[in-house]
Amino acid sequence: MLNATAVRELNRLFGLGRGLSQQTPTEQVVIALGGYLAVPLCSKRMLDAEGWHMQHCIGIFADVCAQGRYRAFSIRDALGRRVATIGLRFHFGRWRVHQCRGIRNANVTEDLFSWDDADGGAYVLTEQADLHYVGEELARMANAEMIDLMAEESELAPQ
């Protein structure tokens, strides 16, 4: 569980309650999650650049990001290469993973395994890929900062 100081720092880093126009790239901190790096996309320019590099349409979310209802992250491997884009949507009072897409909107959240047995039977197994869990952890972190922020506000409210 994150302590209050860590949550406040995440709140500052994620820019909770602030629009894109108030965030600058110098406020960004890369979040290390497993073998991946999550880079918050905090401006229209960054969203458009991500869309261009990944050949998808994340840039269309600039307005809802500016309104504080959507957060986007460029997911990079250990060498800094883009592997996916994750979007979190604020829905029914919680941050939830809206999408996790690779280049040209490829599905990167499932691993598919198939094999044949000795009797000629064919089998297919689908498992959640690492990037699925990266998205879930980003949503968990965003929700944790909201809970701490609400607790702080209630503590600071005049009695």
C-alpha atoms as a PDB file:
ATOM      1  CA  MET A   1       0.000   0.000   0.000  1.00  0.00           C
ATOM      2  CA  LEU A   2       1.272   3.454  -0.827  1.00  0.00           C
ATOM      3  CA  ASN A   3       1.761   5.923   1.991  1.00  0.00           C
ATOM      4  CA  ALA A   4       0.262   9.434   1.863  1.00  0.00           C
ATOM      5  CA  THR A   5       3.537  11.059   0.755  1.00  0.00           C
ATOM      6  CA  ALA A   6       3.933   8.672  -2.172  1.00  0.00           C
ATOM      7  CA  VAL A   7       0.324   9.193  -3.216  1.00  0.00           C
ATOM      8  CA  ARG A   8       0.684  12.992  -3.076  1.00  0.00           C
ATOM      9  CA  GLU A   9       3.787  12.720  -5.263  1.00  0.00           C
ATOM     10  CA  LEU A  10       1.912  10.509  -7.741  1.00  0.00           C
ATOM     11  CA  ASN A  11      -0.939  13.021  -7.693  1.00  0.00           C
ATOM     12  CA  ARG A  12       1.522  15.771  -8.574  1.00  0.00           C
ATOM     13  CA  LEU A  13       3.128  13.647 -11.290  1.00  0.00           C
ATOM     14  CA  PHE A  14      -0.182  12.570 -12.833  1.00  0.00           C
ATOM     15  CA  GLY A  15      -1.534  16.125 -12.613  1.00  0.00           C
ATOM     16  CA  LEU A  16      -4.838  15.092 -11.058  1.00  0.00           C
ATOM     17  CA  GLY A  17      -7.359  17.886 -11.409  1.00  0.00           C
ATOM     18  CA  ARG A  18      -5.273  19.854 -13.893  1.00  0.00           C
ATOM     19  CA  GLY A  19      -5.786  20.122 -17.611  1.00  0.00           C
ATOM     20  CA  LEU A  20      -3.166  19.437 -20.243  1.00  0.00           C
ATOM     21  CA  SER A  21      -2.542  23.115 -20.791  1.00  0.00           C
ATOM     22  CA  GLN A  22      -1.160  23.415 -17.239  1.00  0.00           C
ATOM     23  CA  GLN A  23       1.226  20.486 -17.522  1.00  0.00           C
ATOM     24  CA  THR A  24       4.665  20.694 -19.021  1.00  0.00           C
ATOM     25  CA  PRO A  25       6.999  17.938 -20.193  1.00  0.00           C
ATOM     26  CA  THR A  26       9.465  18.926 -17.441  1.00  0.00           C
ATOM     27  CA  GLU A  27       6.912  17.733 -14.858  1.00  0.00           C
ATOM     28  CA  GLN A  28       7.036  14.237 -16.275  1.00  0.00           C
ATOM     29  CA  VAL A  29       8.517  11.300 -14.539  1.00  0.00           C
ATOM     30  CA  VAL A  30       8.789   7.926 -16.167  1.00  0.00           C
ATOM     31  CA  ILE A  31       7.067   5.197 -14.142  1.00  0.00           C
ATOM     32  CA  ALA A  32       8.896   1.857 -14.083  1.00  0.00           C
ATOM     33  CA  LEU A  33       6.494  -1.103 -14.053  1.00  0.00           C
ATOM     34  CA  GLY A  34       8.096  -4.504 -14.397  1.00  0.00           C
ATOM     35  CA  GLY A  35      10.224  -4.489 -17.519  1.00  0.00           C
ATOM     36  CA  TYR A  36       8.348  -1.506 -18.958  1.00  0.00           C
ATOM     37  CA  LEU A  37       8.450   2.257 -18.651  1.00  0.00           C
ATOM     38  CA  ALA A  38       5.213   4.269 -18.638  1.00  0.00           C
ATOM     39  CA  VAL A  39       5.612   7.808 -19.971  1.00  0.00           C
ATOM     40  CA  PRO A  40       2.617  10.073 -19.223  1.00  0.00           C
ATOM     41  CA  LEU A  41       1.419  11.900 -22.344  1.00  0.00           C
ATOM     42  CA  CYS A  42       0.713  15.351 -20.939  1.00  0.00           C
ATOM     43  CA  SER A  43       0.196  17.559 -23.988  1.00  0.00           C
ATOM     44  CA  LYS A  44      -1.555  17.523 -27.328  1.00  0.00           C
ATOM     45  CA  ARG A  45       1.847  17.485 -28.992  1.00  0.00           C
ATOM     46  CA  MET A  46       2.876  14.381 -27.031  1.00  0.00           C
ATOM     47  CA  LEU A  47      -0.422  12.640 -27.823  1.00  0.00           C
ATOM     48  CA  ASP A  48      -0.067  13.464 -31.524  1.00  0.00           C
ATOM     49  CA  ALA A  49       3.563  12.287 -31.558  1.00  0.00           C
ATOM     50  CA  GLU A  50       2.578   9.009 -29.912  1.00  0.00           C
ATOM     51  CA  GLY A  51      -0.195   8.548 -32.466  1.00  0.00           C
ATOM     52  CA  TRP A  52       2.215   9.207 -35.320  1.00  0.00           C
ATOM     53  CA  HIS A  53       4.870   6.804 -34.022  1.00  0.00           C
ATOM     54  CA  MET A  54       2.366   4.077 -33.146  1.00  0.00           C
ATOM     55  CA  GLN A  55       0.155   4.721 -36.190  1.00  0.00           C
ATOM     56  CA  HIS A  56      -3.080   5.027 -34.233  1.00  0.00           C
ATOM     57  CA  CYS A  57      -5.458   7.764 -33.088  1.00  0.00           C
ATOM     58  CA  ILE A  58      -4.556   8.490 -29.433  1.00  0.00           C
ATOM     59  CA  GLY A  59      -4.345  12.183 -30.366  1.00  0.00           C
ATOM     60  CA  ILE A  60      -8.146  12.417 -30.561  1.00  0.00           C
ATOM     61  CA  PHE A  61      -8.258  12.133 -26.753  1.00  0.00           C
ATOM     62  CA  ALA A  62      -6.535  15.507 -26.199  1.00  0.00           C
ATOM     63  CA  ASP A  63      -9.751  17.298 -25.197  1.00  0.00           C
ATOM     64  CA  VAL A  64     -10.855  14.719 -22.622  1.00  0.00           C
ATOM     65  CA  CYS A  65      -7.281  14.575 -21.270  1.00  0.00           C
ATOM     66  CA  ALA A  66      -7.369  18.356 -20.865  1.00  0.00           C
ATOM     67  CA  GLN A  67     -10.665  17.987 -18.975  1.00  0.00           C
ATOM     68  CA  GLY A  68      -9.026  15.507 -16.580  1.00  0.00           C
ATOM     69  CA  ARG A  69     -11.269  12.604 -17.644  1.00  0.00           C
ATOM     70  CA  TYR A  70      -8.659  10.617 -19.581  1.00  0.00           C
ATOM     71  CA  ARG A  71      -4.980   9.794 -19.083  1.00  0.00           C
ATOM     72  CA  ALA A  72      -2.689   8.355 -21.711  1.00  0.00           C
ATOM     73  CA  PHE A  73       0.686   6.667 -21.356  1.00  0.00           C
ATOM     74  CA  SER A  74       3.328   5.628 -23.837  1.00  0.00           C
ATOM     75  CA  ILE A  75       4.616   2.222 -22.773  1.00  0.00           C
ATOM     76  CA  ARG A  76       8.261   1.637 -23.643  1.00  0.00           C
ATOM     77  CA  ASP A  77      10.586  -1.316 -23.296  1.00  0.00           C
ATOM     78  CA  ALA A  78      13.837  -1.105 -21.318  1.00  0.00           C
ATOM     79  CA  LEU A  79      15.586   0.412 -24.360  1.00  0.00           C
ATOM     80  CA  GLY A  80      12.963   3.163 -24.686  1.00  0.00           C
ATOM     81  CA  ARG A  81      11.235   1.701 -27.756  1.00  0.00           C
ATOM     82  CA  ARG A  82       7.469   2.250 -27.933  1.00  0.00           C
ATOM     83  CA  VAL A  83       5.556  -1.008 -27.510  1.00  0.00           C
ATOM     84  CA  ALA A  84       2.036   0.151 -26.591  1.00  0.00           C
ATOM     85  CA  THR A  85      -0.193   3.045 -25.638  1.00  0.00           C
ATOM     86  CA  ILE A  86      -2.461   2.759 -22.611  1.00  0.00           C
ATOM     87  CA  GLY A  87      -5.474   4.987 -22.047  1.00  0.00           C
ATOM     88  CA  LEU A  88      -7.231   5.307 -18.685  1.00  0.00           C
ATOM     89  CA  ARG A  89     -10.784   6.636 -18.562  1.00  0.00           C
ATOM     90  CA  PHE A  90     -12.473   8.077 -15.489  1.00  0.00           C
ATOM     91  CA  HIS A  91     -15.746   6.156 -15.443  1.00  0.00           C
ATOM     92  CA  PHE A  92     -18.286   5.746 -12.625  1.00  0.00           C
ATOM     93  CA  GLY A  93     -15.945   7.338 -10.081  1.00  0.00           C
ATOM     94  CA  ARG A  94     -12.874   5.240 -10.860  1.00  0.00           C
ATOM     95  CA  TRP A  95      -9.984   5.167 -13.290  1.00  0.00           C
ATOM     96  CA  ARG A  96     -10.261   2.142 -15.564  1.00  0.00           C
ATOM     97  CA  VAL A  97      -8.209   0.848 -18.475  1.00  0.00           C
ATOM     98  CA  HIS A  98     -10.003   2.011 -21.596  1.00  0.00           C
ATOM     99  CA  GLN A  99      -7.543   0.655 -24.110  1.00  0.00           C
ATOM    100  CA  CYS A 100      -4.090  -0.846 -24.484  1.00  0.00           C
ATOM    101  CA  ARG A 101      -2.943  -0.952 -28.082  1.00  0.00           C
ATOM    102  CA  GLY A 102       0.249  -1.639 -29.955  1.00  0.00           C
ATOM    103  CA  ILE A 103       1.329  -0.319 -33.310  1.00  0.00           C
ATOM    104  CA  ARG A 104      -1.617   0.093 -35.708  1.00  0.00           C
ATOM    105  CA  ASN A 105      -4.012  -0.793 -32.843  1.00  0.00           C
ATOM    106  CA  ALA A 106      -2.635  -4.316 -32.474  1.00  0.00           C
ATOM    107  CA  ASN A 107      -3.958  -6.308 -29.517  1.00  0.00           C
ATOM    108  CA  VAL A 108      -1.092  -6.499 -27.024  1.00  0.00           C
ATOM    109  CA  THR A 109      -2.993  -7.589 -23.917  1.00  0.00           C
ATOM    110  CA  GLU A 110      -3.340 -11.294 -24.704  1.00  0.00           C
ATOM    111  CA  ASP A 111      -0.837 -14.037 -25.424  1.00  0.00           C
ATOM    112  CA  LEU A 112      -2.104 -16.890 -27.566  1.00  0.00           C
ATOM    113  CA  PHE A 113      -0.551 -20.338 -27.283  1.00  0.00           C
ATOM    114  CA  SER A 114      -1.496 -23.233 -29.554  1.00  0.00           C
ATOM    115  CA  TRP A 115      -0.250 -26.776 -29.815  1.00  0.00           C
ATOM    116  CA  ASP A 116      -1.138 -30.214 -31.095  1.00  0.00           C
ATOM    117  CA  ASP A 117      -1.009 -33.310 -28.930  1.00  0.00           C
ATOM    118  CA  ALA A 118       0.159 -36.780 -29.978  1.00  0.00           C
ATOM    119  CA  ASP A 119      -3.434 -37.856 -30.712  1.00  0.00           C
ATOM    120  CA  GLY A 120      -3.931 -35.079 -33.257  1.00  0.00           C
ATOM    121  CA  GLY A 121      -5.937 -32.799 -30.957  1.00  0.00           C
ATOM    122  CA  ALA A 122      -5.424 -29.065 -31.371  1.00  0.00           C
ATOM    123  CA  TYR A 123      -5.430 -26.790 -28.346  1.00  0.00           C
ATOM    124  CA  VAL A 124      -5.432 -23.043 -27.892  1.00  0.00           C
ATOM    125  CA  LEU A 125      -4.767 -21.186 -24.650  1.00  0.00           C
ATOM    126  CA  THR A 126      -5.221 -17.461 -24.168  1.00  0.00           C
ATOM    127  CA  GLU A 127      -3.544 -15.690 -21.256  1.00  0.00           C
ATOM    128  CA  GLN A 128      -3.327 -12.068 -20.200  1.00  0.00           C
ATOM    129  CA  ALA A 129      -0.056 -10.546 -21.408  1.00  0.00           C
ATOM    130  CA  ASP A 130       2.255  -8.430 -19.248  1.00  0.00           C
ATOM    131  CA  LEU A 131       0.907  -5.234 -20.810  1.00  0.00           C
ATOM    132  CA  HIS A 132      -2.568  -6.018 -19.476  1.00  0.00           C
ATOM    133  CA  TYR A 133      -1.142  -5.921 -15.964  1.00  0.00           C
ATOM    134  CA  VAL A 134       0.813  -2.733 -16.677  1.00  0.00           C
ATOM    135  CA  GLY A 135      -2.481  -1.041 -17.557  1.00  0.00           C
ATOM    136  CA  GLU A 136      -4.207  -2.409 -14.459  1.00  0.00           C
ATOM    137  CA  GLU A 137      -1.357  -1.160 -12.265  1.00  0.00           C
ATOM    138  CA  LEU A 138      -1.541   2.326 -13.790  1.00  0.00           C
ATOM    139  CA  ALA A 139      -5.291   2.389 -13.059  1.00  0.00           C
ATOM    140  CA  ARG A 140      -4.666   1.156  -9.508  1.00  0.00           C
ATOM    141  CA  MET A 141      -2.083   3.898  -8.954  1.00  0.00           C
ATOM    142  CA  ALA A 142      -4.446   6.556 -10.311  1.00  0.00           C
ATOM    143  CA  ASN A 143      -7.265   5.320  -8.052  1.00  0.00           C
ATOM    144  CA  ALA A 144      -4.963   5.204  -5.007  1.00  0.00           C
ATOM    145  CA  GLU A 145      -4.044   8.849  -5.485  1.00  0.00           C
ATOM    146  CA  MET A 146      -7.738   9.778  -5.686  1.00  0.00           C
ATOM    147  CA  ILE A 147      -8.564   7.966  -2.440  1.00  0.00           C
ATOM    148  CA  ASP A 148      -5.719   9.702  -0.628  1.00  0.00           C
ATOM    149  CA  LEU A 149      -6.709  13.074  -2.083  1.00  0.00           C
ATOM    150  CA  MET A 150     -10.309  12.607  -0.862  1.00  0.00           C
ATOM    151  CA  ALA A 151      -9.035  11.656   2.615  1.00  0.00           C
ATOM    152  CA  GLU A 152      -6.812  14.741   2.727  1.00  0.00           C
ATOM    153  CA  GLU A 153      -9.665  16.978   1.638  1.00  0.00           C
ATOM    154  CA  SER A 154     -11.950  15.578   4.335  1.00  0.00           C
ATOM    155  CA  GLU A 155      -9.207  16.030   6.959  1.00  0.00           C
ATOM    156  CA  LEU A 156      -8.633  19.631   5.882  1.00  0.00           C
ATOM    157  CA  ALA A 157     -12.301  20.535   5.625  1.00  0.00           C
ATOM    158  CA  PRO A 158     -13.506  22.910   8.337  1.00  0.00           C
ATOM    159  CA  GLN A 159     -15.444  21.090  11.038  1.00  0.00           C
END
